[in-house]
Amino acid sequence: MICRKLMFVSCLVLSPVCFAQHTNTALLASACASCHGTNGHSVGGTPSLAGLDEDYFFQQMQQFQSGKRASSVMQQHALGYKEDEIRELAKYFAGQK
């Protein structure tokens, strides 16, 4: 009985943290929508991000940050993200189908 109560209280306490994490990722991803489309589904000449492999996305963003991959627009965007935020975005876009 005590374990059930403890589990219930833990869920209540941690739910806002999980929700905030999801909300933050969706907010980060919304910055990509103007060029890469809603949820990463591009309708224009820019590449779609939806369904990209997490590691590939992460590596490309690192290359934009370091200047190894040239793109003035993407370089500026990539420099605005921390490593953990890029990982969150990579996971988010990999999950979009």
C-alpha atoms as a PDB file:
ATOM      1  CA  MET A   1       0.000   0.000   0.000  1.00  0.00           C
ATOM      2  CA  ILE A   2       2.778   2.414   0.902  1.00  0.00           C
ATOM      3  CA  CYS A   3       4.572   1.580  -2.371  1.00  0.00           C
ATOM      4  CA  ARG A   4       1.447   2.449  -4.366  1.00  0.00           C
ATOM      5  CA  LYS A   5       1.081   5.777  -2.595  1.00  0.00           C
ATOM      6  CA  LEU A   6       4.745   6.538  -3.113  1.00  0.00           C
ATOM      7  CA  MET A   7       4.492   5.665  -6.807  1.00  0.00           C
ATOM      8  CA  PHE A   8       1.365   7.818  -7.187  1.00  0.00           C
ATOM      9  CA  VAL A   9       3.001  10.806  -5.499  1.00  0.00           C
ATOM     10  CA  SER A  10       6.138  10.342  -7.628  1.00  0.00           C
ATOM     11  CA  CYS A  11       4.045  10.419 -10.794  1.00  0.00           C
ATOM     12  CA  LEU A  12       2.303  13.590  -9.683  1.00  0.00           C
ATOM     13  CA  VAL A  13       5.567  15.289  -8.831  1.00  0.00           C
ATOM     14  CA  LEU A  14       7.406  14.260 -12.015  1.00  0.00           C
ATOM     15  CA  SER A  15       4.571  14.844 -14.509  1.00  0.00           C
ATOM     16  CA  PRO A  16       5.144  18.613 -14.795  1.00  0.00           C
ATOM     17  CA  VAL A  17       8.854  17.989 -15.419  1.00  0.00           C
ATOM     18  CA  CYS A  18       8.088  15.552 -18.244  1.00  0.00           C
ATOM     19  CA  PHE A  19       5.475  17.903 -19.691  1.00  0.00           C
ATOM     20  CA  ALA A  20       7.877  20.845 -19.534  1.00  0.00           C
ATOM     21  CA  GLN A  21      10.545  18.798 -21.332  1.00  0.00           C
ATOM     22  CA  HIS A  22       8.107  17.927 -24.141  1.00  0.00           C
ATOM     23  CA  THR A  23       6.882  21.513 -24.377  1.00  0.00           C
ATOM     24  CA  ASN A  24      10.447  22.829 -24.550  1.00  0.00           C
ATOM     25  CA  THR A  25      11.319  20.418 -27.384  1.00  0.00           C
ATOM     26  CA  ALA A  26       8.195  21.370 -29.332  1.00  0.00           C
ATOM     27  CA  LEU A  27       9.094  25.035 -28.866  1.00  0.00           C
ATOM     28  CA  LEU A  28      12.644  24.417 -30.088  1.00  0.00           C
ATOM     29  CA  ALA A  29      11.315  22.504 -33.103  1.00  0.00           C
ATOM     30  CA  SER A  30       8.859  25.269 -33.969  1.00  0.00           C
ATOM     31  CA  ALA A  31      11.824  27.501 -34.835  1.00  0.00           C
ATOM     32  CA  CYS A  32      12.676  25.047 -37.644  1.00  0.00           C
ATOM     33  CA  ALA A  33       9.151  25.069 -39.099  1.00  0.00           C
ATOM     34  CA  SER A  34       9.449  28.256 -41.139  1.00  0.00           C
ATOM     35  CA  CYS A  35      11.964  26.605 -43.485  1.00  0.00           C
ATOM     36  CA  HIS A  36      11.645  22.864 -42.825  1.00  0.00           C
ATOM     37  CA  GLY A  37       7.863  22.706 -42.444  1.00  0.00           C
ATOM     38  CA  THR A  38       5.547  21.755 -39.618  1.00  0.00           C
ATOM     39  CA  ASN A  39       6.973  18.805 -37.683  1.00  0.00           C
ATOM     40  CA  GLY A  40       9.868  18.722 -40.141  1.00  0.00           C
ATOM     41  CA  HIS A  41       7.772  17.957 -43.241  1.00  0.00           C
ATOM     42  CA  SER A  42       9.160  20.391 -45.817  1.00  0.00           C
ATOM     43  CA  VAL A  43       6.970  21.516 -48.695  1.00  0.00           C
ATOM     44  CA  GLY A  44       9.588  23.696 -50.345  1.00  0.00           C
ATOM     45  CA  GLY A  45      13.163  23.421 -51.468  1.00  0.00           C
ATOM     46  CA  THR A  46      14.624  22.870 -48.004  1.00  0.00           C
ATOM     47  CA  PRO A  47      15.207  19.310 -46.797  1.00  0.00           C
ATOM     48  CA  SER A  48      12.637  17.572 -44.609  1.00  0.00           C
ATOM     49  CA  LEU A  49      13.812  16.818 -41.098  1.00  0.00           C
ATOM     50  CA  ALA A  50      11.019  14.367 -40.299  1.00  0.00           C
ATOM     51  CA  GLY A  51      12.278  10.819 -39.941  1.00  0.00           C
ATOM     52  CA  LEU A  52      15.979  11.699 -40.059  1.00  0.00           C
ATOM     53  CA  ASP A  53      18.283   9.410 -38.113  1.00  0.00           C
ATOM     54  CA  GLU A  54      19.073  10.932 -34.698  1.00  0.00           C
ATOM     55  CA  ASP A  55      22.826  10.529 -35.060  1.00  0.00           C
ATOM     56  CA  TYR A  56      22.824  12.002 -38.572  1.00  0.00           C
ATOM     57  CA  PHE A  57      20.833  15.054 -37.440  1.00  0.00           C
ATOM     58  CA  PHE A  58      23.126  15.558 -34.452  1.00  0.00           C
ATOM     59  CA  GLN A  59      26.293  15.266 -36.565  1.00  0.00           C
ATOM     60  CA  GLN A  60      25.006  17.698 -39.176  1.00  0.00           C
ATOM     61  CA  MET A  61      24.119  20.277 -36.543  1.00  0.00           C
ATOM     62  CA  GLN A  62      27.589  19.910 -35.010  1.00  0.00           C
ATOM     63  CA  GLN A  63      29.127  20.437 -38.436  1.00  0.00           C
ATOM     64  CA  PHE A  64      27.050  23.586 -38.926  1.00  0.00           C
ATOM     65  CA  GLN A  65      28.213  24.845 -35.518  1.00  0.00           C
ATOM     66  CA  SER A  66      31.881  24.192 -36.275  1.00  0.00           C
ATOM     67  CA  GLY A  67      31.708  25.569 -39.811  1.00  0.00           C
ATOM     68  CA  LYS A  68      32.662  22.215 -41.386  1.00  0.00           C
ATOM     69  CA  ARG A  69      29.355  22.274 -43.223  1.00  0.00           C
ATOM     70  CA  ALA A  70      28.744  25.570 -44.951  1.00  0.00           C
ATOM     71  CA  SER A  71      25.402  27.336 -44.751  1.00  0.00           C
ATOM     72  CA  SER A  72      25.222  30.839 -43.368  1.00  0.00           C
ATOM     73  CA  VAL A  73      21.587  30.449 -42.301  1.00  0.00           C
ATOM     74  CA  MET A  74      21.970  27.034 -40.672  1.00  0.00           C
ATOM     75  CA  GLN A  75      25.252  27.992 -39.070  1.00  0.00           C
ATOM     76  CA  GLN A  76      23.564  30.895 -37.285  1.00  0.00           C
ATOM     77  CA  HIS A  77      20.659  28.695 -36.174  1.00  0.00           C
ATOM     78  CA  ALA A  78      22.909  25.847 -35.019  1.00  0.00           C
ATOM     79  CA  LEU A  79      25.062  28.176 -32.940  1.00  0.00           C
ATOM     80  CA  GLY A  80      21.971  29.073 -30.919  1.00  0.00           C
ATOM     81  CA  TYR A  81      21.530  25.535 -29.571  1.00  0.00           C
ATOM     82  CA  LYS A  82      23.275  23.701 -26.751  1.00  0.00           C
ATOM     83  CA  GLU A  83      24.317  20.077 -27.218  1.00  0.00           C
ATOM     84  CA  ASP A  84      21.430  18.711 -25.134  1.00  0.00           C
ATOM     85  CA  GLU A  85      18.929  20.789 -27.125  1.00  0.00           C
ATOM     86  CA  ILE A  86      20.290  19.411 -30.396  1.00  0.00           C
ATOM     87  CA  ARG A  87      19.927  15.886 -29.018  1.00  0.00           C
ATOM     88  CA  GLU A  88      16.310  16.652 -28.064  1.00  0.00           C
ATOM     89  CA  LEU A  89      15.629  17.996 -31.553  1.00  0.00           C
ATOM     90  CA  ALA A  90      17.288  14.961 -33.139  1.00  0.00           C
ATOM     91  CA  LYS A  91      15.052  12.632 -31.150  1.00  0.00           C
ATOM     92  CA  TYR A  92      11.979  14.733 -31.909  1.00  0.00           C
ATOM     93  CA  PHE A  93      12.505  14.825 -35.674  1.00  0.00           C
ATOM     94  CA  ALA A  94      13.474  11.141 -35.813  1.00  0.00           C
ATOM     95  CA  GLY A  95      10.067  10.388 -34.292  1.00  0.00           C
ATOM     96  CA  GLN A  96       8.158  12.391 -36.905  1.00  0.00           C
ATOM     97  CA  LYS A  97       6.947  10.219 -39.769  1.00  0.00           C
END
